[in-house]
């Protein structure tokens, strides 16, 4: 289960990214994924647990290179 603190942290990060993207008026595919992730973390839908596992796996993969 995702903790409230983790969900809040991800929501803030993806929210900042979303604000920067909207200001730039240029949204690419990976940027659209960031906007979607922001919505998932903010909404706390049941799908968030699967997405959180994927994001955690990707981040841990980059951290252990």
Protein backbone atom coordinates (compact mmCIF):
# COMPACT_ATOMS: atom_id res chain seq x y z
CA UNK A 1 0.00 0.00 0.00
CA UNK A 2 1.22 3.48 -0.83
CA UNK A 3 1.66 5.80 2.11
CA UNK A 4 0.02 9.19 2.24
CA UNK A 5 3.41 10.91 2.40
CA UNK A 6 4.67 9.12 -0.70
CA UNK A 7 1.49 9.92 -2.64
CA UNK A 8 1.75 13.57 -1.60
CA UNK A 9 5.41 13.73 -2.66
CA UNK A 10 4.68 12.24 -6.08
CA UNK A 11 1.65 14.52 -6.49
CA UNK A 12 3.77 17.60 -5.80
CA UNK A 13 6.56 16.49 -8.15
CA UNK A 14 4.20 15.62 -11.01
CA UNK A 15 2.19 18.79 -10.32
CA UNK A 16 5.27 20.97 -10.71
CA UNK A 17 6.19 19.14 -13.92
CA UNK A 18 2.64 19.65 -15.22
CA UNK A 19 2.71 23.38 -14.46
CA UNK A 20 6.03 23.75 -16.26
CA UNK A 21 4.72 21.82 -19.27
CA UNK A 22 1.59 23.92 -19.52
CA UNK A 23 3.65 27.09 -19.41
CA UNK A 24 5.94 25.85 -22.20
CA UNK A 25 2.95 24.91 -24.43
CA UNK A 26 4.89 22.00 -25.86
CA UNK A 27 3.86 18.55 -24.66
CA UNK A 28 5.65 15.43 -25.93
CA UNK A 29 4.75 11.77 -25.26
CA UNK A 30 6.86 11.40 -22.10
CA UNK A 31 5.48 14.68 -20.83
CA UNK A 32 1.94 13.45 -21.35
CA UNK A 33 2.86 10.40 -19.24
CA UNK A 34 3.99 12.73 -16.44
CA UNK A 35 0.68 14.57 -16.62
CA UNK A 36 -1.17 11.25 -16.48
CA UNK A 37 0.87 10.09 -13.50
CA UNK A 38 0.08 13.34 -11.74
CA UNK A 39 -3.61 12.66 -12.22
CA UNK A 40 -3.30 9.10 -10.96
CA UNK A 41 -1.43 10.04 -7.82
CA UNK A 42 -3.72 12.97 -7.17
CA UNK A 43 -6.86 10.93 -7.66
CA UNK A 44 -5.64 7.89 -5.70
CA UNK A 45 -7.49 5.50 -8.01
CA UNK A 46 -7.03 1.73 -7.52
CA UNK A 47 -4.73 1.68 -10.55
CA UNK A 48 -2.26 3.84 -8.58
CA UNK A 49 -0.88 0.77 -6.80
CA UNK A 50 0.20 -0.83 -10.09
CA UNK A 51 1.57 2.44 -11.46
CA UNK A 52 3.38 3.14 -8.18
CA UNK A 53 5.05 -0.28 -8.39
CA UNK A 54 6.19 0.48 -11.94
CA UNK A 55 7.48 3.96 -11.04
CA UNK A 56 9.30 2.58 -7.98
CA UNK A 57 10.84 -0.19 -10.11
CA UNK A 58 11.99 2.33 -12.75
CA UNK A 59 13.43 4.73 -10.17
CA UNK A 60 15.26 1.93 -8.34
CA UNK A 61 16.64 0.71 -11.67
CA UNK A 62 18.08 4.12 -12.47
CA UNK A 63 19.42 4.55 -8.94
CA UNK A 64 21.34 1.25 -9.04
CA UNK A 65 22.94 1.61 -12.46
